[in-house]
C-alpha atoms as a PDB file:
ATOM      1  CA  MET A   1      20.201-113.298 -12.150  1.00  0.00           C
ATOM      2  CA  SER A   2      20.652-113.216 -15.947  1.00  0.00           C
ATOM      3  CA  HIS A   3      21.215-110.092 -17.772  1.00  0.00           C
ATOM      4  CA  ALA A   4      17.918-110.361 -19.386  1.00  0.00           C
ATOM      5  CA  GLN A   5      16.068-110.505 -16.007  1.00  0.00           C
ATOM      6  CA  GLN A   6      17.798-107.928 -14.803  1.00  0.00           C
ATOM      7  CA  HIS A   7      16.803-105.962 -17.662  1.00  0.00           C
ATOM      8  CA  VAL A   8      13.037-106.812 -17.342  1.00  0.00           C
ATOM      9  CA  LEU A   9      13.294-106.319 -13.495  1.00  0.00           C
ATOM     10  CA  ALA A  10      14.464-102.443 -14.365  1.00  0.00           C
ATOM     11  CA  SER A  11      11.776-101.909 -16.903  1.00  0.00           C
ATOM     12  CA  ALA A  12       8.933-102.979 -14.155  1.00  0.00           C
ATOM     13  CA  ILE A  13      10.472-100.661 -11.878  1.00  0.00           C
ATOM     14  CA  VAL A  14      10.408 -97.855 -14.034  1.00  0.00           C
ATOM     15  CA  LEU A  15       6.816 -98.437 -15.227  1.00  0.00           C
ATOM     16  CA  ALA A  16       5.788 -98.850 -11.458  1.00  0.00           C
ATOM     17  CA  LEU A  17       7.677 -95.128 -11.071  1.00  0.00           C
ATOM     18  CA  ILE A  18       5.315 -93.821 -13.935  1.00  0.00           C
ATOM     19  CA  VAL A  19       2.263 -95.176 -12.627  1.00  0.00           C
ATOM     20  CA  VAL A  20       2.708 -93.943  -9.045  1.00  0.00           C
ATOM     21  CA  LEU A  21       3.454 -90.427 -10.548  1.00  0.00           C
ATOM     22  CA  GLY A  22       0.369 -90.507 -12.706  1.00  0.00           C
ATOM     23  CA  ILE A  23      -1.810 -91.391  -9.883  1.00  0.00           C
ATOM     24  CA  HIS A  24      -0.577 -88.493  -8.057  1.00  0.00           C
ATOM     25  CA  VAL A  25      -0.612 -86.002 -10.560  1.00  0.00           C
ATOM     26  CA  PHE A  26      -4.133 -86.819 -12.146  1.00  0.00           C
ATOM     27  CA  LEU A  27      -6.129 -88.451  -9.235  1.00  0.00           C
ATOM     28  CA  PHE A  28      -4.573 -86.539  -6.261  1.00  0.00           C
ATOM     29  CA  PRO A  29      -3.978 -82.971  -7.041  1.00  0.00           C
ATOM     30  CA  MET A  30      -4.535 -82.141  -3.534  1.00  0.00           C
ATOM     31  CA  TYR A  31      -1.272 -82.722  -2.914  1.00  0.00           C
ATOM     32  CA  SER A  32       0.187 -80.225  -5.287  1.00  0.00           C
ATOM     33  CA  SER A  33       2.334 -77.436  -3.378  1.00  0.00           C
ATOM     34  CA  ASN A  34      -0.163 -74.644  -4.945  1.00  0.00           C
ATOM     35  CA  PRO A  35      -3.748 -75.772  -3.842  1.00  0.00           C
ATOM     36  CA  ARG A  36      -6.840 -74.183  -5.613  1.00  0.00           C
ATOM     37  CA  ILE A  37      -7.710 -70.913  -3.629  1.00  0.00           C
ATOM     38  CA  ARG A  38     -11.353 -71.542  -2.365  1.00  0.00           C
ATOM     39  CA  ARG A  39     -14.295 -69.159  -4.216  1.00  0.00           C
ATOM     40  CA  ILE A  40     -16.210 -67.499  -1.924  1.00  0.00           C
ATOM     41  CA  LYS A  41     -19.610 -65.906  -2.407  1.00  0.00           C
ATOM     42  CA  PHE A  42     -19.538 -62.111  -2.080  1.00  0.00           C
ATOM     43  CA  SER A  43     -22.781 -62.414   0.537  1.00  0.00           C
ATOM     44  CA  GLU A  44     -20.329 -64.250   2.683  1.00  0.00           C
ATOM     45  CA  TYR A  45     -17.495 -62.069   2.165  1.00  0.00           C
ATOM     46  CA  GLU A  46     -19.299 -58.665   3.067  1.00  0.00           C
ATOM     47  CA  GLN A  47     -19.583 -59.094   6.910  1.00  0.00           C
ATOM     48  CA  PRO A  48     -15.668 -59.277   7.306  1.00  0.00           C
ATOM     49  CA  LEU A  49     -15.625 -55.974   5.492  1.00  0.00           C
ATOM     50  CA  CYS A  50     -17.608 -54.159   8.057  1.00  0.00           C
ATOM     51  CA  HIS A  51     -17.215 -53.344  11.737  1.00  0.00           C
ATOM     52  CA  THR A  52     -20.673 -53.083  12.248  1.00  0.00           C
ATOM     53  CA  ASN A  53     -23.335 -55.987  12.471  1.00  0.00           C
ATOM     54  CA  LEU A  54     -25.141 -56.591   9.018  1.00  0.00           C
ATOM     55  CA  LYS A  55     -28.151 -58.404  10.477  1.00  0.00           C
ATOM     56  CA  ASN A  56     -29.926 -54.941  10.745  1.00  0.00           C
ATOM     57  CA  VAL A  57     -29.097 -53.845   7.416  1.00  0.00           C
ATOM     58  CA  ARG A  58     -31.833 -54.157   5.078  1.00  0.00           C
ATOM     59  CA  ILE A  59     -30.909 -56.205   2.001  1.00  0.00           C
ATOM     60  CA  PRO A  60     -31.255 -54.394  -1.160  1.00  0.00           C
ATOM     61  CA  VAL A  61     -33.589 -56.074  -4.206  1.00  0.00           C
ATOM     62  CA  GLU A  62     -31.070 -58.766  -6.011  1.00  0.00           C
ATOM     63  CA  TRP A  63     -29.401 -56.937  -8.845  1.00  0.00           C
ATOM     64  CA  LYS A  64     -30.802 -58.289 -12.148  1.00  0.00           C
ATOM     65  CA  ASN A  65     -27.609 -58.388 -14.499  1.00  0.00           C
ATOM     66  CA  GLN A  66     -24.770 -60.844 -14.927  1.00  0.00           C
ATOM     67  CA  CYS A  67     -21.975 -60.874 -12.238  1.00  0.00           C
ATOM     68  CA  PRO A  68     -19.119 -58.963 -13.017  1.00  0.00           C
ATOM     69  CA  LYS A  69     -16.837 -60.171 -15.723  1.00  0.00           C
ATOM     70  CA  TYR A  70     -13.419 -59.286 -14.409  1.00  0.00           C
ATOM     71  CA  GLY A  71     -12.646 -57.825 -10.587  1.00  0.00           C
ATOM     72  CA  ILE A  72     -14.381 -55.312  -8.893  1.00  0.00           C
ATOM     73  CA  VAL A  73     -13.378 -52.663  -6.236  1.00  0.00           C
ATOM     74  CA  SER A  74     -14.829 -52.005  -2.681  1.00  0.00           C
ATOM     75  CA  ALA A  75     -13.454 -51.604   0.974  1.00  0.00           C
ATOM     76  CA  VAL A  76     -13.294 -52.218   4.060  1.00  0.00           C
ATOM     77  CA  GLN A  77     -15.318 -50.230   6.586  1.00  0.00           C
ATOM     78  CA  ALA A  78     -13.498 -48.263   9.795  1.00  0.00           C
ATOM     79  CA  GLY A  79     -13.742 -44.929  11.322  1.00  0.00           C
ATOM     80  CA  ARG A  80     -16.513 -42.676  11.814  1.00  0.00           C
ATOM     81  CA  LEU A  81     -18.746 -40.391   8.901  1.00  0.00           C
ATOM     82  CA  GLY A  82     -15.175 -38.499   7.447  1.00  0.00           C
ATOM     83  CA  ASN A  83     -12.939 -41.827   7.304  1.00  0.00           C
ATOM     84  CA  GLN A  84     -16.258 -43.610   5.503  1.00  0.00           C
ATOM     85  CA  ILE A  85     -16.291 -40.717   2.866  1.00  0.00           C
ATOM     86  CA  TRP A  86     -12.954 -41.409   2.280  1.00  0.00           C
ATOM     87  CA  GLU A  87     -13.201 -45.057   1.528  1.00  0.00           C
ATOM     88  CA  TYR A  88     -16.414 -44.747  -0.733  1.00  0.00           C
ATOM     89  CA  ALA A  89     -14.578 -41.949  -2.657  1.00  0.00           C
ATOM     90  CA  SER A  90     -11.502 -44.125  -2.975  1.00  0.00           C
ATOM     91  CA  VAL A  91     -13.148 -46.690  -4.220  1.00  0.00           C
ATOM     92  CA  TRP A  92     -15.439 -44.388  -7.157  1.00  0.00           C
ATOM     93  CA  ALA A  93     -11.968 -42.826  -8.210  1.00  0.00           C
ATOM     94  CA  ILE A  94     -10.083 -46.193  -8.313  1.00  0.00           C
ATOM     95  CA  ALA A  95     -12.827 -47.628 -10.089  1.00  0.00           C
ATOM     96  CA  ARG A  96     -12.904 -44.853 -12.711  1.00  0.00           C
ATOM     97  CA  ARG A  97      -8.867 -45.143 -13.400  1.00  0.00           C
ATOM     98  CA  THR A  98      -9.187 -49.121 -13.735  1.00  0.00           C
ATOM     99  CA  GLY A  99     -12.661 -49.361 -15.581  1.00  0.00           C
ATOM    100  CA  LEU A 100     -13.437 -52.023 -12.834  1.00  0.00           C
ATOM    101  CA  GLU A 101     -17.127 -52.058 -11.483  1.00  0.00           C
ATOM    102  CA  ALA A 102     -17.410 -50.687  -7.820  1.00  0.00           C
ATOM    103  CA  PHE A 103     -19.343 -52.138  -4.890  1.00  0.00           C
ATOM    104  CA  MET A 104     -19.694 -50.827  -1.553  1.00  0.00           C
ATOM    105  CA  PRO A 105     -20.532 -52.962   1.969  1.00  0.00           C
ATOM    106  CA  ARG A 106     -23.868 -52.032   3.061  1.00  0.00           C
ATOM    107  CA  CYS A 107     -22.424 -50.959   6.362  1.00  0.00           C
ATOM    108  CA  ILE A 108     -20.703 -48.216   4.425  1.00  0.00           C
ATOM    109  CA  LEU A 109     -23.605 -47.187   2.331  1.00  0.00           C
ATOM    110  CA  LYS A 110     -25.909 -47.186   5.430  1.00  0.00           C
ATOM    111  CA  THR A 111     -23.808 -44.539   7.220  1.00  0.00           C
ATOM    112  CA  LEU A 112     -23.349 -42.125   3.735  1.00  0.00           C
ATOM    113  CA  GLU A 113     -27.147 -42.664   2.958  1.00  0.00           C
ATOM    114  CA  GLU A 114     -28.131 -41.216   6.079  1.00  0.00           C
ATOM    115  CA  HIS A 115     -26.492 -37.837   4.782  1.00  0.00           C
ATOM    116  CA  PHE A 116     -26.339 -38.110   1.075  1.00  0.00           C
ATOM    117  CA  GLU A 117     -28.534 -38.772  -1.491  1.00  0.00           C
ATOM    118  CA  HIS A 118     -28.236 -40.605  -5.160  1.00  0.00           C
ATOM    119  CA  LEU A 119     -25.020 -42.227  -4.812  1.00  0.00           C
ATOM    120  CA  SER A 120     -24.250 -44.351  -7.566  1.00  0.00           C
ATOM    121  CA  ILE A 121     -22.089 -46.929  -6.159  1.00  0.00           C
ATOM    122  CA  PRO A 122     -24.465 -50.322  -5.558  1.00  0.00           C
ATOM    123  CA  PRO A 123     -24.171 -52.335  -2.516  1.00  0.00           C
ATOM    124  CA  LEU A 124     -22.257 -55.653  -2.523  1.00  0.00           C
ATOM    125  CA  SER A 125     -25.273 -57.604  -1.729  1.00  0.00           C
ATOM    126  CA  TYR A 126     -26.088 -57.062  -5.538  1.00  0.00           C
ATOM    127  CA  ILE A 127     -23.675 -59.710  -6.624  1.00  0.00           C
ATOM    128  CA  GLY A 128     -23.759 -61.562  -3.604  1.00  0.00           C
ATOM    129  CA  GLN A 129     -24.461 -65.248  -5.235  1.00  0.00           C
ATOM    130  CA  CYS A 130     -21.315 -64.257  -7.442  1.00  0.00           C
ATOM    131  CA  THR A 131     -18.387 -65.244  -6.125  1.00  0.00           C
ATOM    132  CA  LEU A 132     -14.561 -64.034  -5.404  1.00  0.00           C
ATOM    133  CA  ASP A 133     -11.489 -65.871  -5.857  1.00  0.00           C
ATOM    134  CA  GLY A 134      -9.617 -65.095  -2.768  1.00  0.00           C
ATOM    135  CA  GLY A 135      -6.149 -65.518  -4.857  1.00  0.00           C
ATOM    136  CA  GLN A 136      -6.895 -62.731  -7.248  1.00  0.00           C
ATOM    137  CA  VAL A 137      -7.750 -59.890  -4.226  1.00  0.00           C
ATOM    138  CA  VAL A 138      -5.141 -57.033  -3.682  1.00  0.00           C
ATOM    139  CA  ASN A 139      -5.249 -54.177  -1.409  1.00  0.00           C
ATOM    140  CA  SER A 140      -3.848 -51.301  -3.527  1.00  0.00           C
ATOM    141  CA  LEU A 141      -3.796 -49.713  -7.199  1.00  0.00           C
ATOM    142  CA  ASP A 142      -0.163 -50.194  -7.099  1.00  0.00           C
ATOM    143  CA  GLN A 143      -0.562 -54.020  -7.026  1.00  0.00           C
ATOM    144  CA  TRP A 144      -3.504 -54.389  -9.070  1.00  0.00           C
ATOM    145  CA  ASN A 145      -1.846 -55.474 -12.946  1.00  0.00           C
ATOM    146  CA  SER A 146      -4.503 -57.729 -14.212  1.00  0.00           C
ATOM    147  CA  THR A 147      -8.597 -56.873 -14.781  1.00  0.00           C
ATOM    148  CA  GLU A 148      -9.351 -60.487 -13.346  1.00  0.00           C
ATOM    149  CA  GLN A 149      -8.222 -59.061 -10.109  1.00  0.00           C
ATOM    150  CA  SER A 150      -9.962 -57.343  -7.483  1.00  0.00           C
ATOM    151  CA  ILE A 151      -8.834 -54.312  -5.472  1.00  0.00           C
ATOM    152  CA  ILE A 152     -10.440 -54.676  -1.532  1.00  0.00           C
ATOM    153  CA  LEU A 153      -9.214 -51.352   0.020  1.00  0.00           C
ATOM    154  CA  PRO A 154      -8.000 -51.861   3.307  1.00  0.00           C
ATOM    155  CA  LYS A 155      -9.089 -49.660   6.734  1.00  0.00           C
ATOM    156  CA  TYR A 156      -9.125 -46.229   6.629  1.00  0.00           C
ATOM    157  CA  ALA A 157      -8.311 -45.898   2.613  1.00  0.00           C
ATOM    158  CA  ALA A 158      -7.913 -42.323   1.602  1.00  0.00           C
ATOM    159  CA  HIS A 159      -6.561 -42.118  -1.915  1.00  0.00           C
ATOM    160  CA  TRP A 160      -6.607 -38.196  -2.067  1.00  0.00           C
ATOM    161  CA  SER A 161      -4.055 -38.284  -5.190  1.00  0.00           C
ATOM    162  CA  ILE A 162      -6.497 -40.285  -7.070  1.00  0.00           C
ATOM    163  CA  VAL A 163      -9.828 -39.068  -5.976  1.00  0.00           C
ATOM    164  CA  LEU A 164      -8.609 -35.146  -6.863  1.00  0.00           C
ATOM    165  CA  ASP A 165      -8.224 -36.112 -10.634  1.00  0.00           C
ATOM    166  CA  TRP A 166     -12.228 -36.057 -10.797  1.00  0.00           C
ATOM    167  CA  LEU A 167     -12.740 -33.526  -7.658  1.00  0.00           C
ATOM    168  CA  GLU A 168     -15.814 -31.834  -9.685  1.00  0.00           C
ATOM    169  CA  ASP A 169     -17.719 -35.111 -10.140  1.00  0.00           C
ATOM    170  CA  VAL A 170     -16.667 -36.124  -6.512  1.00  0.00           C
ATOM    171  CA  ARG A 171     -18.510 -33.249  -5.218  1.00  0.00           C
ATOM    172  CA  ARG A 172     -21.465 -34.036  -7.547  1.00  0.00           C
ATOM    173  CA  GLU A 173     -21.332 -37.431  -5.931  1.00  0.00           C
ATOM    174  CA  PHE A 174     -21.710 -36.517  -2.411  1.00  0.00           C
ATOM    175  CA  THR A 175     -24.963 -34.416  -2.386  1.00  0.00           C
ATOM    176  CA  PHE A 176     -26.537 -33.678   0.919  1.00  0.00           C
ATOM    177  CA  LYS A 177     -30.082 -34.825   1.687  1.00  0.00           C
ATOM    178  CA  PRO A 178     -32.725 -31.701   1.145  1.00  0.00           C
ATOM    179  CA  LYS A 179     -33.635 -31.739   4.802  1.00  0.00           C
ATOM    180  CA  LEU A 180     -29.465 -31.384   5.849  1.00  0.00           C
ATOM    181  CA  ARG A 181     -29.424 -28.779   2.423  1.00  0.00           C
ATOM    182  CA  MET A 182     -32.239 -26.658   4.097  1.00  0.00           C
ATOM    183  CA  ASN A 183     -31.338 -26.814   7.515  1.00  0.00           C
ATOM    184  CA  ALA A 184     -27.844 -25.339   6.647  1.00  0.00           C
ATOM    185  CA  GLU A 185     -29.290 -22.693   4.725  1.00  0.00           C
ATOM    186  CA  ILE A 186     -31.400 -21.537   7.423  1.00  0.00           C
ATOM    187  CA  VAL A 187     -28.246 -21.868   9.963  1.00  0.00           C
ATOM    188  CA  LEU A 188     -26.228 -19.388   7.594  1.00  0.00           C
ATOM    189  CA  LYS A 189     -29.296 -17.132   7.076  1.00  0.00           C
ATOM    190  CA  GLU A 190     -29.768 -16.773  11.096  1.00  0.00           C
ATOM    191  CA  ALA A 191     -25.777 -15.692  11.234  1.00  0.00           C
ATOM    192  CA  ALA A 192     -25.855 -13.236   8.587  1.00  0.00           C
ATOM    193  CA  GLN A 193     -29.368 -11.792  10.629  1.00  0.00           C
ATOM    194  CA  GLN A 194     -27.740 -11.823  14.067  1.00  0.00           C
ATOM    195  CA  HIS A 195     -24.599  -9.860  12.768  1.00  0.00           C
ATOM    196  CA  ASN A 196     -26.678  -7.243  10.564  1.00  0.00           C
ATOM    197  CA  LEU A 197     -25.259  -8.458   7.216  1.00  0.00           C
ATOM    198  CA  SER A 198     -26.675  -8.701   4.210  1.00  0.00           C
ATOM    199  CA  ASP A 199     -23.889  -9.852   1.786  1.00  0.00           C
ATOM    200  CA  PRO A 200     -21.659 -11.928   4.376  1.00  0.00           C
ATOM    201  CA  THR A 201     -18.943 -14.198   3.714  1.00  0.00           C
ATOM    202  CA  PHE A 202     -18.899 -17.535   5.541  1.00  0.00           C
ATOM    203  CA  VAL A 203     -15.765 -19.118   6.840  1.00  0.00           C
ATOM    204  CA  GLY A 204     -16.203 -22.753   8.370  1.00  0.00           C
ATOM    205  CA  ILE A 205     -13.569 -23.982  10.724  1.00  0.00           C
ATOM    206  CA  HIS A 206     -13.584 -27.538  11.764  1.00  0.00           C
ATOM    207  CA  VAL A 207     -11.385 -27.877  14.985  1.00  0.00           C
ATOM    208  CA  ARG A 208     -10.331 -31.369  15.652  1.00  0.00           C
ATOM    209  CA  ARG A 209      -9.476 -31.911  19.559  1.00  0.00           C
ATOM    210  CA  THR A 210     -10.734 -35.222  22.049  1.00  0.00           C
ATOM    211  CA  ASP A 211      -8.716 -38.415  20.526  1.00  0.00           C
ATOM    212  CA  TYR A 212      -6.944 -36.978  17.837  1.00  0.00           C
ATOM    213  CA  ILE A 213      -4.681 -35.006  20.331  1.00  0.00           C
ATOM    214  CA  ASP A 214      -2.664 -38.520  21.354  1.00  0.00           C
ATOM    215  CA  TYR A 215      -3.075 -39.935  17.989  1.00  0.00           C
ATOM    216  CA  LEU A 216      -0.900 -37.043  16.460  1.00  0.00           C
ATOM    217  CA  TRP A 217       1.775 -37.255  19.050  1.00  0.00           C
ATOM    218  CA  LYS A 218       1.561 -40.855  18.861  1.00  0.00           C
ATOM    219  CA  THR A 219       2.010 -41.816  15.396  1.00  0.00           C
ATOM    220  CA  ARG A 220       3.680 -38.397  14.354  1.00  0.00           C
ATOM    221  CA  LYS A 221       5.174 -36.672  17.673  1.00  0.00           C
ATOM    222  CA  VAL A 222       3.177 -33.350  16.651  1.00  0.00           C
ATOM    223  CA  ARG A 223       1.290 -31.491  19.163  1.00  0.00           C
ATOM    224  CA  ALA A 224      -2.298 -30.185  18.454  1.00  0.00           C
ATOM    225  CA  ALA A 225      -2.795 -26.772  16.349  1.00  0.00           C
ATOM    226  CA  PRO A 226      -2.155 -23.957  18.563  1.00  0.00           C
ATOM    227  CA  VAL A 227      -4.966 -21.418  19.010  1.00  0.00           C
ATOM    228  CA  SER A 228      -2.530 -18.977  17.505  1.00  0.00           C
ATOM    229  CA  PHE A 229      -3.281 -21.231  14.206  1.00  0.00           C
ATOM    230  CA  TYR A 230      -6.819 -20.510  14.196  1.00  0.00           C
ATOM    231  CA  HIS A 231      -6.162 -16.925  15.315  1.00  0.00           C
ATOM    232  CA  ALA A 232      -3.801 -16.490  12.348  1.00  0.00           C
ATOM    233  CA  ALA A 233      -5.916 -17.972   9.652  1.00  0.00           C
ATOM    234  CA  MET A 234      -9.081 -16.206  10.639  1.00  0.00           C
ATOM    235  CA  ASP A 235      -6.830 -12.870  10.256  1.00  0.00           C
ATOM    236  CA  HIS A 236      -5.935 -13.873   7.028  1.00  0.00           C
ATOM    237  CA  TYR A 237      -9.709 -14.021   6.013  1.00  0.00           C
ATOM    238  CA  GLU A 238     -10.877 -10.900   7.354  1.00  0.00           C
ATOM    239  CA  ARG A 239      -8.002  -9.097   5.729  1.00  0.00           C
ATOM    240  CA  LYS A 240      -8.779 -10.552   2.402  1.00  0.00           C
ATOM    241  CA  TYR A 241     -12.983 -10.370   2.684  1.00  0.00           C
ATOM    242  CA  ARG A 242     -15.142  -8.422   3.655  1.00  0.00           C
ATOM    243  CA  ASN A 243     -18.056  -9.404   6.215  1.00  0.00           C
ATOM    244  CA  VAL A 244     -16.507 -12.339   7.362  1.00  0.00           C
ATOM    245  CA  VAL A 245     -18.763 -14.684   9.770  1.00  0.00           C
ATOM    246  CA  PHE A 246     -16.841 -17.744  11.174  1.00  0.00           C
ATOM    247  CA  ILE A 247     -18.988 -20.810  11.462  1.00  0.00           C
ATOM    248  CA  VAL A 248     -17.398 -22.976  13.978  1.00  0.00           C
ATOM    249  CA  ALA A 249     -17.635 -27.183  14.421  1.00  0.00           C
ATOM    250  CA  SER A 250     -15.792 -29.362  16.789  1.00  0.00           C
ATOM    251  CA  ASP A 251     -15.866 -32.596  18.492  1.00  0.00           C
ATOM    252  CA  ASN A 252     -15.212 -30.092  21.754  1.00  0.00           C
ATOM    253  CA  ILE A 253     -17.242 -27.208  20.978  1.00  0.00           C
ATOM    254  CA  GLY A 254     -16.310 -25.628  24.687  1.00  0.00           C
ATOM    255  CA  TRP A 255     -12.766 -25.739  23.947  1.00  0.00           C
ATOM    256  CA  CYS A 256     -13.588 -23.505  20.868  1.00  0.00           C
ATOM    257  CA  LYS A 257     -16.118 -20.876  22.521  1.00  0.00           C
ATOM    258  CA  TYR A 258     -13.307 -20.640  25.358  1.00  0.00           C
ATOM    259  CA  ASN A 259     -10.345 -20.417  23.172  1.00  0.00           C
ATOM    260  CA  LEU A 260     -11.690 -18.959  19.458  1.00  0.00           C
ATOM    261  CA  LYS A 261     -14.055 -16.049  20.583  1.00  0.00           C
ATOM    262  CA  ARG A 262     -12.924 -12.829  20.330  1.00  0.00           C
ATOM    263  CA  LYS A 263     -14.345  -9.386  20.127  1.00  0.00           C
ATOM    264  CA  LYS A 264     -13.059  -7.892  17.109  1.00  0.00           C
ATOM    265  CA  SER A 265     -14.412 -11.450  14.828  1.00  0.00           C
ATOM    266  CA  LYS A 266     -17.968 -12.447  14.395  1.00  0.00           C
ATOM    267  CA  ILE A 267     -18.363 -15.925  15.278  1.00  0.00           C
ATOM    268  CA  ASN A 268     -21.010 -18.773  15.806  1.00  0.00           C
ATOM    269  CA  PHE A 269     -20.509 -21.962  16.887  1.00  0.00           C
ATOM    270  CA  ILE A 270     -22.720 -24.864  15.424  1.00  0.00           C
ATOM    271  CA  SER A 271     -21.868 -28.183  16.991  1.00  0.00           C
ATOM    272  CA  GLU A 272     -23.708 -29.969  19.989  1.00  0.00           C
ATOM    273  CA  PRO A 273     -21.589 -30.487  23.305  1.00  0.00           C
ATOM    274  CA  ASP A 274     -22.739 -34.349  22.715  1.00  0.00           C
ATOM    275  CA  GLU A 275     -21.266 -34.076  19.418  1.00  0.00           C
ATOM    276  CA  LYS A 276     -24.637 -35.468  17.398  1.00  0.00           C
ATOM    277  CA  GLY A 277     -25.572 -34.140  14.147  1.00  0.00           C
ATOM    278  CA  PRO A 278     -22.139 -34.875  12.243  1.00  0.00           C
ATOM    279  CA  GLY A 279     -24.327 -34.862   8.803  1.00  0.00           C
ATOM    280  CA  LYS A 280     -25.882 -31.556   9.984  1.00  0.00           C
ATOM    281  CA  ASP A 281     -22.428 -30.147  10.997  1.00  0.00           C
ATOM    282  CA  LEU A 282     -20.501 -31.324   7.467  1.00  0.00           C
ATOM    283  CA  ALA A 283     -23.386 -30.133   5.461  1.00  0.00           C
ATOM    284  CA  ILE A 284     -23.072 -26.185   7.037  1.00  0.00           C
ATOM    285  CA  LEU A 285     -19.365 -26.164   6.820  1.00  0.00           C
ATOM    286  CA  SER A 286     -19.923 -27.755   2.913  1.00  0.00           C
ATOM    287  CA  SER A 287     -22.221 -24.525   2.575  1.00  0.00           C
ATOM    288  CA  CYS A 288     -19.765 -21.908   3.645  1.00  0.00           C
ATOM    289  CA  ASN A 289     -17.740 -19.783   1.052  1.00  0.00           C
ATOM    290  CA  HIS A 290     -14.168 -20.988   2.762  1.00  0.00           C
ATOM    291  CA  SER A 291     -12.626 -23.371   5.320  1.00  0.00           C
ATOM    292  CA  ILE A 292      -9.981 -23.651   7.907  1.00  0.00           C
ATOM    293  CA  ILE A 293      -9.185 -27.238   8.884  1.00  0.00           C
ATOM    294  CA  ASP A 294      -6.695 -28.276  11.297  1.00  0.00           C
ATOM    295  CA  TYR A 295      -6.194 -32.327  10.552  1.00  0.00           C
ATOM    296  CA  GLY A 296      -8.674 -35.059  10.292  1.00  0.00           C
ATOM    297  CA  THR A 297     -10.900 -36.463   7.681  1.00  0.00           C
ATOM    298  CA  TYR A 298     -13.939 -34.904   8.486  1.00  0.00           C
ATOM    299  CA  GLY A 299     -12.766 -31.004   8.024  1.00  0.00           C
ATOM    300  CA  SER A 300     -10.943 -31.966   4.938  1.00  0.00           C
ATOM    301  CA  TRP A 301     -14.260 -33.011   3.573  1.00  0.00           C
ATOM    302  CA  GLY A 302     -16.020 -29.884   4.693  1.00  0.00           C
ATOM    303  CA  ALA A 303     -13.199 -28.086   2.933  1.00  0.00           C
ATOM    304  CA  ILE A 304     -13.449 -30.170  -0.282  1.00  0.00           C
ATOM    305  CA  LEU A 305     -17.275 -29.816  -0.493  1.00  0.00           C
ATOM    306  CA  ALA A 306     -17.131 -25.719   0.343  1.00  0.00           C
ATOM    307  CA  ALA A 307     -14.797 -25.509  -2.668  1.00  0.00           C
ATOM    308  CA  GLY A 308     -13.487 -22.009  -1.386  1.00  0.00           C
ATOM    309  CA  GLU A 309     -10.125 -21.155  -0.433  1.00  0.00           C
ATOM    310  CA  THR A 310      -8.878 -23.523   2.538  1.00  0.00           C
ATOM    311  CA  VAL A 311      -5.936 -22.770   5.324  1.00  0.00           C
ATOM    312  CA  VAL A 312      -4.881 -25.811   6.969  1.00  0.00           C
ATOM    313  CA  PHE A 313      -2.521 -26.317   9.936  1.00  0.00           C
ATOM    314  CA  ASN A 314       1.017 -27.805   8.486  1.00  0.00           C
ATOM    315  CA  VAL A 315       1.886 -31.138   9.618  1.00  0.00           C
ATOM    316  CA  THR A 316       4.876 -32.770   7.850  1.00  0.00           C
ATOM    317  CA  GLU A 317       3.709 -35.310   5.184  1.00  0.00           C
ATOM    318  CA  TYR A 318       0.087 -35.583   6.202  1.00  0.00           C
ATOM    319  CA  PHE A 319      -2.582 -35.831   3.530  1.00  0.00           C
ATOM    320  CA  SER A 320      -4.485 -32.511   4.001  1.00  0.00           C
ATOM    321  CA  THR A 321      -1.258 -30.744   3.870  1.00  0.00           C
ATOM    322  CA  LEU A 322      -0.140 -32.759   0.789  1.00  0.00           C
ATOM    323  CA  MET A 323      -3.325 -31.731  -0.607  1.00  0.00           C
ATOM    324  CA  ALA A 324      -2.385 -28.106  -0.097  1.00  0.00           C
ATOM    325  CA  GLU A 325       0.741 -28.244  -2.117  1.00  0.00           C
ATOM    326  CA  VAL A 326      -1.531 -29.411  -5.167  1.00  0.00           C
ATOM    327  CA  LEU A 327      -4.820 -27.501  -5.207  1.00  0.00           C
ATOM    328  CA  PRO A 328      -4.021 -23.826  -5.987  1.00  0.00           C
ATOM    329  CA  ASN A 329      -6.817 -22.509  -3.696  1.00  0.00           C
ATOM    330  CA  TRP A 330      -5.620 -24.581  -0.335  1.00  0.00           C
ATOM    331  CA  ARG A 331      -2.593 -22.931   1.529  1.00  0.00           C
ATOM    332  CA  VAL A 332      -0.689 -24.084   4.778  1.00  0.00           C
ATOM    333  CA  MET A 333      -0.200 -22.000   7.943  1.00  0.00           C
ATOM    334  CA  GLY A 334       1.424 -22.918  11.234  1.00  0.00           C
END
């Protein structure tokens, strides 16, 4: 083969390689090592955020505004009432911090709307026809670095340090329904009459037992709060205030009646043995002047909404103990 023929053949090979490369780059982008993330409608994305079935949850009237210009903030549903209040409050606070729009899955709103009125965060179904870019989702504020990103908080989110930045506004956000407020007023009035007090100081006590005893030991190697903690906290309030009446709520009210009742103290037990009416009990605790809590999301909200002095059981690096280090009217005992 002559030199000229070799040159032509080499040129042809180079040209063929360029053509093949161009076909792969421009006509077959699916071979790229970074395939395009599938966009998904929020109407399809909502159910995976819920542990309850949305089939029986009403879809509100469609939102008339445009789709969010930037990312959103939302959360995955987990736990019972106390957990879901924290999930909502965390979304509310992070949206305020970032400027992103907040939307809640209907399953969380359904739980909270049974107890609270005029919640400001709209349901995720309002933007059901809008789409979410799966490649632009992070699960914490620490990972968020662009307004294009959405923050979807994971299960059991409780971003207390951010929530406490707007504590008074958060308290207004959780306004109990009139029926619950009226019931709380009646319960406390009857307690005052029972003890013949015209100017009582109500101290709410929330005692978490049942499943939490095993949880504390398995996760932190911590024993449940002893009876001595509650008695010491009660002594603190009786020394500091006049006409103290203790209002006790618990997931094991029988344990409380056996261990906490004492002759020198005025004490009323409000919870039903079957644990029904968590919103009813929380509204009563929130209407008290001061609080005693051991641990758990439910008790922490009773104290936060009561907005008085709080005595909390000492569990190292636990969120309610950490809050007591920040809030001036909270103190740790035990």
